[in-house]
Amino acid sequence: MRWIPVFIFLASISTYAQDQNVVSGPVITWEKLTHEFGDITQGEKVEHTFKFTNTGNAALVITNVEVTCGCTVPKGWPRDPIMPGEKGAITIAFNSSGKIGRQNKVITVTSNSVGKTNQVMIVGNVLDKQL
């Protein structure tokens, strides 16, 4: 019987600590952060759609998608707010013309997301075009 108050006290501390870890605001949670195209032939154009969910508790707004090279192009992203629990997608195209070997392209997503990674990456190995 003497342990019941101690148990209740410890349970309330645990609940309080869990509540303190809840992030307030929009949170972009990616289905996957990297897409591997594998081997592609020089000159080939490929694309991938990165999917995400707003796992936060406020509307997520994406204001920009930046790439590191002219060979990589964002083909579109949601312009309207993504409400909590809703899903969205960003399509990225890669043109391998003039490239050879291993390619790692970082895409930076500018949004009002709190505390999560806002970068995704496409990776591929560009093989020399056979004549």
N, C-alpha and C. Protein backbone atom coordinates (compact mmCIF):
# COMPACT_ATOMS: atom_id res chain seq x y z
N MET A 1 0.82 -1.19 0.00
CA MET A 1 0.00 0.00 0.00
C MET A 1 0.86 1.26 0.00
N ARG A 2 2.04 1.19 0.62
CA ARG A 2 2.88 2.38 0.69
C ARG A 2 3.43 2.75 -0.68
N TRP A 3 3.45 1.82 -1.61
CA TRP A 3 4.05 2.07 -2.93
C TRP A 3 3.07 2.71 -3.91
N ILE A 4 1.81 2.69 -3.62
CA ILE A 4 0.83 3.25 -4.54
C ILE A 4 1.06 4.74 -4.79
N PRO A 5 1.24 5.58 -3.76
CA PRO A 5 1.51 7.00 -4.03
C PRO A 5 2.78 7.22 -4.86
N VAL A 6 3.82 6.41 -4.61
CA VAL A 6 5.06 6.54 -5.36
C VAL A 6 4.81 6.19 -6.83
N PHE A 7 4.06 5.13 -7.07
CA PHE A 7 3.75 4.71 -8.43
C PHE A 7 2.96 5.81 -9.16
N ILE A 8 1.97 6.38 -8.52
CA ILE A 8 1.16 7.45 -9.13
C ILE A 8 2.06 8.65 -9.44
N PHE A 9 2.95 9.01 -8.55
CA PHE A 9 3.86 10.12 -8.76
C PHE A 9 4.76 9.87 -9.98
N LEU A 10 5.34 8.67 -10.06
CA LEU A 10 6.22 8.35 -11.19
C LEU A 10 5.45 8.32 -12.50
N ALA A 11 4.24 7.81 -12.50
CA ALA A 11 3.43 7.79 -13.72
C ALA A 11 3.11 9.20 -14.18
N SER A 12 2.83 10.11 -13.26
CA SER A 12 2.50 11.48 -13.64
C SER A 12 3.73 12.20 -14.20
N ILE A 13 4.93 11.92 -13.67
CA ILE A 13 6.15 12.51 -14.22
C ILE A 13 6.38 12.01 -15.64
N SER A 14 6.18 10.73 -15.86
CA SER A 14 6.35 10.16 -17.19
C SER A 14 5.40 10.81 -18.19
N THR A 15 4.15 10.98 -17.82
CA THR A 15 3.16 11.60 -18.70
C THR A 15 3.54 13.04 -18.99
N TYR A 16 4.00 13.77 -17.98
CA TYR A 16 4.41 15.16 -18.16
C TYR A 16 5.60 15.24 -19.12
N ALA A 17 6.57 14.35 -18.98
CA ALA A 17 7.75 14.35 -19.85
C ALA A 17 7.36 14.08 -21.29
N GLN A 18 6.42 13.16 -21.52
CA GLN A 18 5.97 12.87 -22.88
C GLN A 18 5.28 14.07 -23.49
N ASP A 19 4.48 14.79 -22.71
CA ASP A 19 3.80 15.98 -23.21
C ASP A 19 4.80 17.06 -23.59
N GLN A 20 5.94 17.15 -22.91
CA GLN A 20 6.93 18.17 -23.21
C GLN A 20 7.65 17.88 -24.54
N ASN A 21 7.62 16.65 -25.04
CA ASN A 21 8.28 16.28 -26.29
C ASN A 21 7.40 16.52 -27.51
N VAL A 22 6.18 16.92 -27.33
CA VAL A 22 5.28 17.16 -28.45
C VAL A 22 5.68 18.47 -29.12
N VAL A 23 5.91 18.42 -30.43
CA VAL A 23 6.29 19.60 -31.18
C VAL A 23 5.03 20.34 -31.60
N SER A 24 5.02 21.63 -31.38
CA SER A 24 3.89 22.44 -31.78
C SER A 24 4.20 23.11 -33.11
N GLY A 25 3.33 22.90 -34.09
CA GLY A 25 3.53 23.48 -35.41
C GLY A 25 3.52 22.41 -36.47
N PRO A 26 3.76 22.80 -37.72
CA PRO A 26 3.79 21.83 -38.81
C PRO A 26 5.09 21.04 -38.82
N VAL A 27 5.01 19.77 -39.19
CA VAL A 27 6.20 18.92 -39.26
C VAL A 27 6.14 18.13 -40.56
N ILE A 28 7.16 18.29 -41.39
CA ILE A 28 7.22 17.52 -42.64
C ILE A 28 7.96 16.21 -42.36
N THR A 29 7.28 15.09 -42.58
CA THR A 29 7.86 13.77 -42.36
C THR A 29 7.91 13.05 -43.70
N TRP A 30 9.13 12.79 -44.17
CA TRP A 30 9.35 12.19 -45.50
C TRP A 30 9.14 10.69 -45.46
N GLU A 31 8.56 10.15 -46.52
CA GLU A 31 8.43 8.70 -46.68
C GLU A 31 9.82 8.09 -46.77
N LYS A 32 10.72 8.74 -47.53
CA LYS A 32 12.13 8.37 -47.56
C LYS A 32 12.92 9.60 -47.97
N LEU A 33 14.15 9.72 -47.46
CA LEU A 33 14.97 10.90 -47.67
C LEU A 33 15.85 10.82 -48.91
N THR A 34 16.13 9.60 -49.37
CA THR A 34 17.02 9.41 -50.52
C THR A 34 16.39 8.46 -51.51
N HIS A 35 16.54 8.81 -52.80
CA HIS A 35 16.09 7.89 -53.85
C HIS A 35 17.30 7.51 -54.69
N GLU A 36 17.50 6.23 -54.87
CA GLU A 36 18.62 5.68 -55.65
C GLU A 36 18.10 5.26 -57.03
N PHE A 37 18.58 5.94 -58.08
CA PHE A 37 18.19 5.58 -59.45
C PHE A 37 18.96 4.37 -59.96
N GLY A 38 20.12 4.09 -59.34
CA GLY A 38 20.96 3.01 -59.84
C GLY A 38 21.73 3.49 -61.07
N ASP A 39 22.04 2.56 -61.98
CA ASP A 39 22.78 2.91 -63.20
C ASP A 39 21.82 3.50 -64.23
N ILE A 40 22.21 4.65 -64.78
CA ILE A 40 21.46 5.24 -65.89
C ILE A 40 22.47 5.63 -66.97
N THR A 41 22.02 5.67 -68.20
CA THR A 41 22.89 5.99 -69.31
C THR A 41 22.97 7.50 -69.50
N GLN A 42 24.17 7.99 -69.78
CA GLN A 42 24.37 9.41 -69.99
C GLN A 42 23.37 9.94 -71.03
N GLY A 43 22.70 11.04 -70.69
CA GLY A 43 21.68 11.62 -71.55
C GLY A 43 20.26 11.23 -71.16
N GLU A 44 20.13 10.21 -70.34
CA GLU A 44 18.81 9.76 -69.90
C GLU A 44 18.22 10.75 -68.90
N LYS A 45 16.91 10.96 -69.01
CA LYS A 45 16.20 11.83 -68.07
C LYS A 45 15.32 10.96 -67.18
N VAL A 46 15.48 11.15 -65.87
CA VAL A 46 14.72 10.34 -64.91
C VAL A 46 14.07 11.29 -63.91
N GLU A 47 13.06 10.80 -63.22
CA GLU A 47 12.44 11.60 -62.17
C GLU A 47 11.94 10.73 -61.05
N HIS A 48 11.78 11.38 -59.90
CA HIS A 48 11.26 10.68 -58.72
C HIS A 48 10.36 11.63 -57.95
N THR A 49 9.32 11.07 -57.35
CA THR A 49 8.40 11.86 -56.53
C THR A 49 8.64 11.51 -55.06
N PHE A 50 9.06 12.50 -54.30
CA PHE A 50 9.24 12.34 -52.86
C PHE A 50 7.91 12.63 -52.18
N LYS A 51 7.46 11.69 -51.36
CA LYS A 51 6.18 11.81 -50.67
C LYS A 51 6.41 12.15 -49.20
N PHE A 52 5.50 12.93 -48.64
CA PHE A 52 5.62 13.34 -47.25
C PHE A 52 4.24 13.49 -46.63
N THR A 53 4.23 13.56 -45.30
CA THR A 53 3.01 13.79 -44.53
C THR A 53 3.28 14.92 -43.55
N ASN A 54 2.30 15.76 -43.34
CA ASN A 54 2.39 16.78 -42.30
C ASN A 54 1.98 16.09 -41.00
N THR A 55 2.96 15.73 -40.18
CA THR A 55 2.69 15.04 -38.91
C THR A 55 2.60 16.01 -37.74
N GLY A 56 2.59 17.28 -38.03
CA GLY A 56 2.48 18.29 -36.98
C GLY A 56 1.02 18.60 -36.67
N ASN A 57 0.83 19.73 -35.97
CA ASN A 57 -0.53 20.10 -35.57
C ASN A 57 -0.94 21.47 -36.11
N ALA A 58 -0.26 21.92 -37.19
CA ALA A 58 -0.62 23.17 -37.85
C ALA A 58 -0.38 23.01 -39.35
N ALA A 59 -0.90 23.92 -40.13
CA ALA A 59 -0.77 23.86 -41.59
C ALA A 59 0.69 24.00 -42.02
N LEU A 60 1.11 23.13 -42.94
CA LEU A 60 2.46 23.16 -43.51
C LEU A 60 2.41 23.94 -44.81
N VAL A 61 3.33 24.90 -44.97
CA VAL A 61 3.38 25.69 -46.19
C VAL A 61 4.79 25.58 -46.78
N ILE A 62 4.88 25.09 -48.01
CA ILE A 62 6.15 25.00 -48.72
C ILE A 62 6.28 26.25 -49.57
N THR A 63 7.38 26.99 -49.36
CA THR A 63 7.56 28.25 -50.08
C THR A 63 8.58 28.16 -51.21
N ASN A 64 9.46 27.14 -51.17
CA ASN A 64 10.46 27.02 -52.22
C ASN A 64 11.07 25.64 -52.21
N VAL A 65 11.55 25.21 -53.38
CA VAL A 65 12.31 23.97 -53.51
C VAL A 65 13.56 24.33 -54.30
N GLU A 66 14.74 24.17 -53.68
CA GLU A 66 16.00 24.56 -54.30
C GLU A 66 16.83 23.33 -54.63
N VAL A 67 17.53 23.41 -55.76
CA VAL A 67 18.41 22.33 -56.19
C VAL A 67 19.83 22.86 -56.31
N THR A 68 20.80 21.98 -56.38
CA THR A 68 22.21 22.38 -56.38
C THR A 68 22.81 22.44 -57.78
N CYS A 69 22.05 22.07 -58.80
CA CYS A 69 22.61 21.97 -60.14
C CYS A 69 21.49 22.17 -61.16
N GLY A 70 21.83 22.75 -62.31
CA GLY A 70 20.84 22.94 -63.36
C GLY A 70 20.34 21.64 -63.96
N CYS A 71 21.03 20.54 -63.69
CA CYS A 71 20.62 19.23 -64.21
C CYS A 71 19.45 18.65 -63.40
N THR A 72 19.17 19.26 -62.26
CA THR A 72 18.11 18.79 -61.37
C THR A 72 17.04 19.87 -61.31
N VAL A 73 15.79 19.47 -61.55
CA VAL A 73 14.71 20.45 -61.64
C VAL A 73 13.51 20.00 -60.80
N PRO A 74 13.03 20.87 -59.91
CA PRO A 74 11.78 20.56 -59.21
C PRO A 74 10.62 20.78 -60.18
N LYS A 75 9.82 19.75 -60.41
CA LYS A 75 8.73 19.84 -61.38
C LYS A 75 7.42 20.27 -60.75
N GLY A 76 7.40 20.45 -59.48
CA GLY A 76 6.19 20.90 -58.83
C GLY A 76 6.13 20.49 -57.38
N TRP A 77 5.44 21.31 -56.61
CA TRP A 77 5.21 21.01 -55.21
C TRP A 77 3.90 21.67 -54.81
N PRO A 78 3.30 21.24 -53.72
CA PRO A 78 2.01 21.80 -53.31
C PRO A 78 2.14 23.29 -52.97
N ARG A 79 1.27 24.10 -53.56
CA ARG A 79 1.28 25.54 -53.29
C ARG A 79 0.29 25.91 -52.19
N ASP A 80 -0.70 25.05 -51.97
CA ASP A 80 -1.69 25.29 -50.92
C ASP A 80 -1.19 24.68 -49.61
N PRO A 81 -1.64 25.21 -48.48
CA PRO A 81 -1.25 24.64 -47.19
C PRO A 81 -1.66 23.16 -47.09
N ILE A 82 -0.78 22.38 -46.47
CA ILE A 82 -1.05 20.96 -46.22
C ILE A 82 -1.44 20.86 -44.74
N MET A 83 -2.65 20.47 -44.50
CA MET A 83 -3.18 20.42 -43.14
C MET A 83 -2.61 19.22 -42.37
N PRO A 84 -2.64 19.25 -41.04
CA PRO A 84 -2.14 18.13 -40.24
C PRO A 84 -2.77 16.80 -40.69
N GLY A 85 -1.92 15.81 -40.89
CA GLY A 85 -2.37 14.49 -41.31
C GLY A 85 -2.46 14.33 -42.82
N GLU A 86 -2.43 15.42 -43.57
CA GLU A 86 -2.51 15.33 -45.03
C GLU A 86 -1.16 15.00 -45.63
N LYS A 87 -1.21 14.45 -46.85
CA LYS A 87 -0.01 14.06 -47.56
C LYS A 87 0.26 15.02 -48.71
N GLY A 88 1.51 15.04 -49.15
CA GLY A 88 1.91 15.84 -50.29
C GLY A 88 3.06 15.17 -51.01
N ALA A 89 3.49 15.77 -52.12
CA ALA A 89 4.57 15.19 -52.90
C ALA A 89 5.32 16.28 -53.66
N ILE A 90 6.60 16.02 -53.87
CA ILE A 90 7.45 16.91 -54.66
C ILE A 90 8.15 16.04 -55.69
N THR A 91 7.98 16.39 -56.98
CA THR A 91 8.59 15.63 -58.06
C THR A 91 9.87 16.34 -58.50
N ILE A 92 10.95 15.56 -58.62
CA ILE A 92 12.25 16.07 -59.02
C ILE A 92 12.71 15.33 -60.28
N ALA A 93 13.14 16.10 -61.29
CA ALA A 93 13.65 15.51 -62.53
C ALA A 93 15.17 15.70 -62.57
N PHE A 94 15.87 14.70 -63.11
CA PHE A 94 17.32 14.74 -63.27
C PHE A 94 17.67 14.43 -64.71
N ASN A 95 18.46 15.31 -65.34
CA ASN A 95 18.93 15.13 -66.71
C ASN A 95 20.41 14.77 -66.64
N SER A 96 20.77 13.58 -67.08
CA SER A 96 22.14 13.10 -66.95
C SER A 96 23.05 13.52 -68.10
N SER A 97 22.57 14.35 -69.02
CA SER A 97 23.41 14.83 -70.12
C SER A 97 24.63 15.56 -69.56
N GLY A 98 25.81 15.22 -70.09
CA GLY A 98 27.04 15.87 -69.66
C GLY A 98 27.56 15.38 -68.31
N LYS A 99 26.91 14.41 -67.72
CA LYS A 99 27.35 13.86 -66.42
C LYS A 99 27.96 12.48 -66.64
N ILE A 100 28.84 12.11 -65.73
CA ILE A 100 29.43 10.76 -65.77
C ILE A 100 29.79 10.37 -64.34
N GLY A 101 29.59 9.11 -64.01
CA GLY A 101 29.94 8.62 -62.68
C GLY A 101 28.85 8.85 -61.65
N ARG A 102 29.24 8.72 -60.41
CA ARG A 102 28.31 8.82 -59.27
C ARG A 102 27.80 10.24 -59.12
N GLN A 103 26.49 10.40 -59.00
CA GLN A 103 25.85 11.70 -58.85
C GLN A 103 25.02 11.71 -57.57
N ASN A 104 25.23 12.74 -56.74
CA ASN A 104 24.46 12.95 -55.52
C ASN A 104 23.91 14.37 -55.59
N LYS A 105 22.61 14.52 -55.69
CA LYS A 105 22.00 15.83 -55.81
C LYS A 105 21.08 16.08 -54.63
N VAL A 106 21.35 17.18 -53.91
CA VAL A 106 20.58 17.53 -52.72
C VAL A 106 19.48 18.52 -53.11
N ILE A 107 18.30 18.28 -52.62
CA ILE A 107 17.15 19.15 -52.84
C ILE A 107 16.75 19.71 -51.48
N THR A 108 16.70 21.03 -51.37
CA THR A 108 16.34 21.69 -50.12
C THR A 108 14.93 22.24 -50.22
N VAL A 109 14.10 21.87 -49.27
CA VAL A 109 12.71 22.29 -49.24
C VAL A 109 12.56 23.36 -48.16
N THR A 110 12.16 24.55 -48.57
CA THR A 110 11.94 25.65 -47.63
C THR A 110 10.47 25.66 -47.25
N SER A 111 10.22 25.56 -45.96
CA SER A 111 8.84 25.53 -45.47
C SER A 111 8.81 26.05 -44.04
N ASN A 112 7.64 26.03 -43.47
CA ASN A 112 7.50 26.43 -42.07
C ASN A 112 7.55 25.22 -41.13
N SER A 113 8.10 24.10 -41.59
CA SER A 113 8.22 22.88 -40.79
C SER A 113 9.11 23.10 -39.58
N VAL A 114 8.77 22.44 -38.49
CA VAL A 114 9.52 22.56 -37.24
C VAL A 114 10.31 21.28 -37.00
N GLY A 115 11.60 21.40 -36.77
CA GLY A 115 12.41 20.33 -36.22
C GLY A 115 12.66 19.09 -37.05
N LYS A 116 12.37 19.08 -38.32
CA LYS A 116 12.63 17.88 -39.12
C LYS A 116 13.51 18.24 -40.30
N THR A 117 14.13 17.23 -40.89
CA THR A 117 14.99 17.42 -42.05
C THR A 117 14.19 17.94 -43.23
N ASN A 118 14.70 18.99 -43.83
CA ASN A 118 14.05 19.56 -45.00
C ASN A 118 14.91 19.40 -46.24
N GLN A 119 15.70 18.34 -46.27
CA GLN A 119 16.48 18.03 -47.45
C GLN A 119 16.25 16.57 -47.83
N VAL A 120 16.16 16.36 -49.15
CA VAL A 120 16.09 15.02 -49.70
C VAL A 120 17.19 14.92 -50.75
N MET A 121 17.47 13.71 -51.21
CA MET A 121 18.56 13.53 -52.15
C MET A 121 18.23 12.48 -53.20
N ILE A 122 18.69 12.76 -54.43
CA ILE A 122 18.64 11.73 -55.47
C ILE A 122 20.07 11.31 -55.75
N VAL A 123 20.24 10.02 -56.01
CA VAL A 123 21.56 9.44 -56.22
C VAL A 123 21.49 8.53 -57.43
N GLY A 124 22.54 8.55 -58.22
CA GLY A 124 22.58 7.66 -59.37
C GLY A 124 23.99 7.52 -59.89
N ASN A 125 24.20 6.53 -60.72
CA ASN A 125 25.49 6.30 -61.36
C ASN A 125 25.28 6.45 -62.86
N VAL A 126 25.87 7.49 -63.44
CA VAL A 126 25.70 7.77 -64.87
C VAL A 126 26.80 7.04 -65.64
N LEU A 127 26.36 6.14 -66.53
CA LEU A 127 27.28 5.35 -67.35
C LEU A 127 27.49 6.05 -68.68
N ASP A 128 28.71 5.94 -69.22
CA ASP A 128 29.04 6.53 -70.50
C ASP A 128 28.16 5.92 -71.59
N LYS A 129 27.67 6.79 -72.47
CA LYS A 129 26.80 6.34 -73.56
C LYS A 129 27.61 5.47 -74.53
N GLN A 130 27.11 4.28 -74.81
CA GLN A 130 27.77 3.38 -75.76
C GLN A 130 27.34 3.72 -77.17
N LEU A 131 28.33 3.89 -78.07
CA LEU A 131 28.01 4.21 -79.47
C LEU A 131 27.70 2.99 -80.28
